[in-house]
Amino acid sequence: MITFFKRLLLMCPIVFFLHLFIWVKHHRHPAVQFKYLPLFEFCRFARLCT
């Protein structure tokens, strides 16, 4: 059970960056950086937890 959660936490940043990459490719706008700032903060937090 613990290994599953660890794997999930490790997968989280990958999934988010993949989603971000796709989103940026579709919406080329400077506001994207500001919209996704909390996302990067979450990714950093997720990495600290593992």
PDB file of N, CA and C in Angstrom:
ATOM      1  N   MET A   1       0.834  -1.208   0.000  1.00  0.00           N
ATOM      2  CA  MET A   1       0.000   0.000   0.000  1.00  0.00           C
ATOM      3  C   MET A   1       0.878   1.270   0.000  1.00  0.00           C
ATOM      4  N   ILE A   2       1.933   1.282   0.782  1.00  0.00           N
ATOM      5  CA  ILE A   2       2.822   2.442   0.870  1.00  0.00           C
ATOM      6  C   ILE A   2       3.543   2.660  -0.463  1.00  0.00           C
ATOM      7  N   THR A   3       3.970   1.554  -1.071  1.00  0.00           N
ATOM      8  CA  THR A   3       4.679   1.650  -2.354  1.00  0.00           C
ATOM      9  C   THR A   3       3.785   2.245  -3.434  1.00  0.00           C
ATOM     10  N   PHE A   4       2.474   1.938  -3.353  1.00  0.00           N
ATOM     11  CA  PHE A   4       1.508   2.477  -4.318  1.00  0.00           C
ATOM     12  C   PHE A   4       1.438   3.993  -4.218  1.00  0.00           C
ATOM     13  N   PHE A   5       1.400   4.510  -2.994  1.00  0.00           N
ATOM     14  CA  PHE A   5       1.333   5.952  -2.774  1.00  0.00           C
ATOM     15  C   PHE A   5       2.628   6.637  -3.192  1.00  0.00           C
ATOM     16  N   LYS A   6       3.743   5.961  -2.953  1.00  0.00           N
ATOM     17  CA  LYS A   6       5.043   6.505  -3.359  1.00  0.00           C
ATOM     18  C   LYS A   6       5.118   6.596  -4.877  1.00  0.00           C
ATOM     19  N   ARG A   7       4.623   5.569  -5.526  1.00  0.00           N
ATOM     20  CA  ARG A   7       4.610   5.544  -6.992  1.00  0.00           C
ATOM     21  C   ARG A   7       3.693   6.636  -7.525  1.00  0.00           C
ATOM     22  N   LEU A   8       2.582   6.859  -6.868  1.00  0.00           N
ATOM     23  CA  LEU A   8       1.610   7.876  -7.258  1.00  0.00           C
ATOM     24  C   LEU A   8       2.225   9.270  -7.135  1.00  0.00           C
ATOM     25  N   LEU A   9       2.955   9.501  -6.049  1.00  0.00           N
ATOM     26  CA  LEU A   9       3.616  10.782  -5.829  1.00  0.00           C
ATOM     27  C   LEU A   9       4.726  11.026  -6.846  1.00  0.00           C
ATOM     28  N   LEU A  10       5.401   9.975  -7.243  1.00  0.00           N
ATOM     29  CA  LEU A  10       6.461  10.101  -8.242  1.00  0.00           C
ATOM     30  C   LEU A  10       5.871  10.341  -9.623  1.00  0.00           C
ATOM     31  N   MET A  11       4.698   9.769  -9.865  1.00  0.00           N
ATOM     32  CA  MET A  11       4.022   9.923 -11.148  1.00  0.00           C
ATOM     33  C   MET A  11       3.381  11.299 -11.284  1.00  0.00           C
ATOM     34  N   CYS A  12       2.933  11.863 -10.185  1.00  0.00           N
ATOM     35  CA  CYS A  12       2.242  13.153 -10.189  1.00  0.00           C
ATOM     36  C   CYS A  12       2.964  14.252 -10.972  1.00  0.00           C
ATOM     37  N   PRO A  13       4.222  14.559 -10.646  1.00  0.00           N
ATOM     38  CA  PRO A  13       4.912  15.624 -11.398  1.00  0.00           C
ATOM     39  C   PRO A  13       5.010  15.332 -12.886  1.00  0.00           C
ATOM     40  N   ILE A  14       5.241  14.066 -13.231  1.00  0.00           N
ATOM     41  CA  ILE A  14       5.350  13.675 -14.634  1.00  0.00           C
ATOM     42  C   ILE A  14       4.045  13.966 -15.366  1.00  0.00           C
ATOM     43  N   VAL A  15       2.928  13.566 -14.761  1.00  0.00           N
ATOM     44  CA  VAL A  15       1.604  13.778 -15.349  1.00  0.00           C
ATOM     45  C   VAL A  15       1.313  15.266 -15.502  1.00  0.00           C
ATOM     46  N   PHE A  16       1.655  16.050 -14.470  1.00  0.00           N
ATOM     47  CA  PHE A  16       1.415  17.489 -14.510  1.00  0.00           C
ATOM     48  C   PHE A  16       2.250  18.196 -15.578  1.00  0.00           C
ATOM     49  N   PHE A  17       3.523  17.796 -15.693  1.00  0.00           N
ATOM     50  CA  PHE A  17       4.384  18.407 -16.701  1.00  0.00           C
ATOM     51  C   PHE A  17       3.942  18.036 -18.105  1.00  0.00           C
ATOM     52  N   LEU A  18       3.452  16.799 -18.242  1.00  0.00           N
ATOM     53  CA  LEU A  18       2.944  16.340 -19.534  1.00  0.00           C
ATOM     54  C   LEU A  18       1.708  17.150 -19.922  1.00  0.00           C
ATOM     55  N   HIS A  19       0.806  17.343 -18.934  1.00  0.00           N
ATOM     56  CA  HIS A  19      -0.408  18.126 -19.147  1.00  0.00           C
ATOM     57  C   HIS A  19      -0.057  19.575 -19.482  1.00  0.00           C
ATOM     58  N   LEU A  20       0.925  20.114 -18.785  1.00  0.00           N
ATOM     59  CA  LEU A  20       1.373  21.483 -19.015  1.00  0.00           C
ATOM     60  C   LEU A  20       1.943  21.641 -20.417  1.00  0.00           C
ATOM     61  N   PHE A  21       2.767  20.662 -20.823  1.00  0.00           N
ATOM     62  CA  PHE A  21       3.385  20.684 -22.143  1.00  0.00           C
ATOM     63  C   PHE A  21       2.331  20.691 -23.251  1.00  0.00           C
ATOM     64  N   ILE A  22       1.332  19.848 -23.117  1.00  0.00           N
ATOM     65  CA  ILE A  22       0.240  19.764 -24.096  1.00  0.00           C
ATOM     66  C   ILE A  22      -0.558  21.068 -24.102  1.00  0.00           C
ATOM     67  N   TRP A  23      -0.838  21.590 -22.903  1.00  0.00           N
ATOM     68  CA  TRP A  23      -1.633  22.810 -22.771  1.00  0.00           C
ATOM     69  C   TRP A  23      -0.922  24.002 -23.402  1.00  0.00           C
ATOM     70  N   VAL A  24       0.378  24.110 -23.154  1.00  0.00           N
ATOM     71  CA  VAL A  24       1.165  25.219 -23.704  1.00  0.00           C
ATOM     72  C   VAL A  24       1.222  25.133 -25.225  1.00  0.00           C
ATOM     73  N   LYS A  25       1.322  23.908 -25.743  1.00  0.00           N
ATOM     74  CA  LYS A  25       1.365  23.720 -27.193  1.00  0.00           C
ATOM     75  C   LYS A  25       0.073  24.193 -27.847  1.00  0.00           C
ATOM     76  N   HIS A  26      -1.052  24.035 -27.134  1.00  0.00           N
ATOM     77  CA  HIS A  26      -2.345  24.445 -27.670  1.00  0.00           C
ATOM     78  C   HIS A  26      -2.640  25.923 -27.423  1.00  0.00           C
ATOM     79  N   HIS A  27      -2.164  26.433 -26.292  1.00  0.00           N
ATOM     80  CA  HIS A  27      -2.424  27.838 -25.951  1.00  0.00           C
ATOM     81  C   HIS A  27      -1.116  28.579 -25.732  1.00  0.00           C
ATOM     82  N   ARG A  28      -0.610  29.202 -26.777  1.00  0.00           N
ATOM     83  CA  ARG A  28       0.621  29.981 -26.657  1.00  0.00           C
ATOM     84  C   ARG A  28       0.271  31.401 -26.189  1.00  0.00           C
ATOM     85  N   HIS A  29       0.381  31.581 -24.883  1.00  0.00           N
ATOM     86  CA  HIS A  29       0.009  32.850 -24.273  1.00  0.00           C
ATOM     87  C   HIS A  29       0.887  33.129 -23.056  1.00  0.00           C
ATOM     88  N   PRO A  30       1.320  34.383 -22.850  1.00  0.00           N
ATOM     89  CA  PRO A  30       2.170  34.693 -21.685  1.00  0.00           C
ATOM     90  C   PRO A  30       1.495  34.419 -20.338  1.00  0.00           C
ATOM     91  N   ALA A  31       0.165  34.501 -20.309  1.00  0.00           N
ATOM     92  CA  ALA A  31      -0.588  34.284 -19.075  1.00  0.00           C
ATOM     93  C   ALA A  31      -0.488  32.841 -18.570  1.00  0.00           C
ATOM     94  N   VAL A  32      -0.063  31.953 -19.459  1.00  0.00           N
ATOM     95  CA  VAL A  32       0.069  30.532 -19.101  1.00  0.00           C
ATOM     96  C   VAL A  32       1.004  30.361 -17.908  1.00  0.00           C
ATOM     97  N   GLN A  33       2.114  31.090 -17.909  1.00  0.00           N
ATOM     98  CA  GLN A  33       3.095  30.993 -16.828  1.00  0.00           C
ATOM     99  C   GLN A  33       2.474  31.332 -15.473  1.00  0.00           C
ATOM    100  N   PHE A  34       1.654  32.371 -15.433  1.00  0.00           N
ATOM    101  CA  PHE A  34       1.024  32.791 -14.189  1.00  0.00           C
ATOM    102  C   PHE A  34      -0.048  31.806 -13.746  1.00  0.00           C
ATOM    103  N   LYS A  35      -0.766  31.246 -14.726  1.00  0.00           N
ATOM    104  CA  LYS A  35      -1.820  30.285 -14.425  1.00  0.00           C
ATOM    105  C   LYS A  35      -1.254  29.003 -13.818  1.00  0.00           C
ATOM    106  N   TYR A  36      -0.061  28.617 -14.281  1.00  0.00           N
ATOM    107  CA  TYR A  36       0.509  27.356 -13.839  1.00  0.00           C
ATOM    108  C   TYR A  36       1.532  27.463 -12.707  1.00  0.00           C
ATOM    109  N   LEU A  37       1.687  28.661 -12.133  1.00  0.00           N
ATOM    110  CA  LEU A  37       2.599  28.807 -11.004  1.00  0.00           C
ATOM    111  C   LEU A  37       2.220  27.924  -9.815  1.00  0.00           C
ATOM    112  N   PRO A  38       0.934  27.845  -9.418  1.00  0.00           N
ATOM    113  CA  PRO A  38       0.570  26.958  -8.301  1.00  0.00           C
ATOM    114  C   PRO A  38       0.863  25.489  -8.598  1.00  0.00           C
ATOM    115  N   LEU A  39       0.785  25.120  -9.860  1.00  0.00           N
ATOM    116  CA  LEU A  39       1.038  23.753 -10.296  1.00  0.00           C
ATOM    117  C   LEU A  39       2.487  23.366 -10.028  1.00  0.00           C
ATOM    118  N   PHE A  40       3.401  24.274 -10.362  1.00  0.00           N
ATOM    119  CA  PHE A  40       4.817  24.017 -10.125  1.00  0.00           C
ATOM    120  C   PHE A  40       5.117  23.957  -8.636  1.00  0.00           C
ATOM    121  N   GLU A  41       4.418  24.769  -7.857  1.00  0.00           N
ATOM    122  CA  GLU A  41       4.567  24.755  -6.403  1.00  0.00           C
ATOM    123  C   GLU A  41       4.134  23.397  -5.852  1.00  0.00           C
ATOM    124  N   PHE A  42       3.042  22.862  -6.402  1.00  0.00           N
ATOM    125  CA  PHE A  42       2.539  21.549  -5.990  1.00  0.00           C
ATOM    126  C   PHE A  42       3.536  20.452  -6.331  1.00  0.00           C
ATOM    127  N   CYS A  43       4.132  20.539  -7.505  1.00  0.00           N
ATOM    128  CA  CYS A  43       5.125  19.560  -7.948  1.00  0.00           C
ATOM    129  C   CYS A  43       6.331  19.543  -7.023  1.00  0.00           C
ATOM    130  N   ARG A  44       6.737  20.732  -6.599  1.00  0.00           N
ATOM    131  CA  ARG A  44       7.870  20.854  -5.679  1.00  0.00           C
ATOM    132  C   ARG A  44       7.505  20.249  -4.321  1.00  0.00           C
ATOM    133  N   PHE A  45       6.281  20.494  -3.885  1.00  0.00           N
ATOM    134  CA  PHE A  45       5.779  19.954  -2.619  1.00  0.00           C
ATOM    135  C   PHE A  45       5.687  18.433  -2.676  1.00  0.00           C
ATOM    136  N   ALA A  46       5.214  17.923  -3.815  1.00  0.00           N
ATOM    137  CA  ALA A  46       5.092  16.483  -4.010  1.00  0.00           C
ATOM    138  C   ALA A  46       6.463  15.805  -3.962  1.00  0.00           C
ATOM    139  N   ARG A  47       7.463  16.477  -4.487  1.00  0.00           N
ATOM    140  CA  ARG A  47       8.815  15.921  -4.489  1.00  0.00           C
ATOM    141  C   ARG A  47       9.397  15.910  -3.075  1.00  0.00           C
ATOM    142  N   LEU A  48       9.034  16.898  -2.272  1.00  0.00           N
ATOM    143  CA  LEU A  48       9.520  16.968  -0.894  1.00  0.00           C
ATOM    144  C   LEU A  48       8.916  15.845  -0.043  1.00  0.00           C
ATOM    145  N   CYS A  49       7.700  15.459  -0.376  1.00  0.00           N
ATOM    146  CA  CYS A  49       6.988  14.420   0.367  1.00  0.00           C
ATOM    147  C   CYS A  49       7.573  13.020   0.146  1.00  0.00           C
ATOM    148  N   THR A  50       8.134  12.774  -1.013  1.00  0.00           N
ATOM    149  CA  THR A  50       8.638  11.434  -1.332  1.00  0.00           C
ATOM    150  C   THR A  50       9.975  11.143  -0.653  1.00  0.00           C
TER     151      THR A  50
END
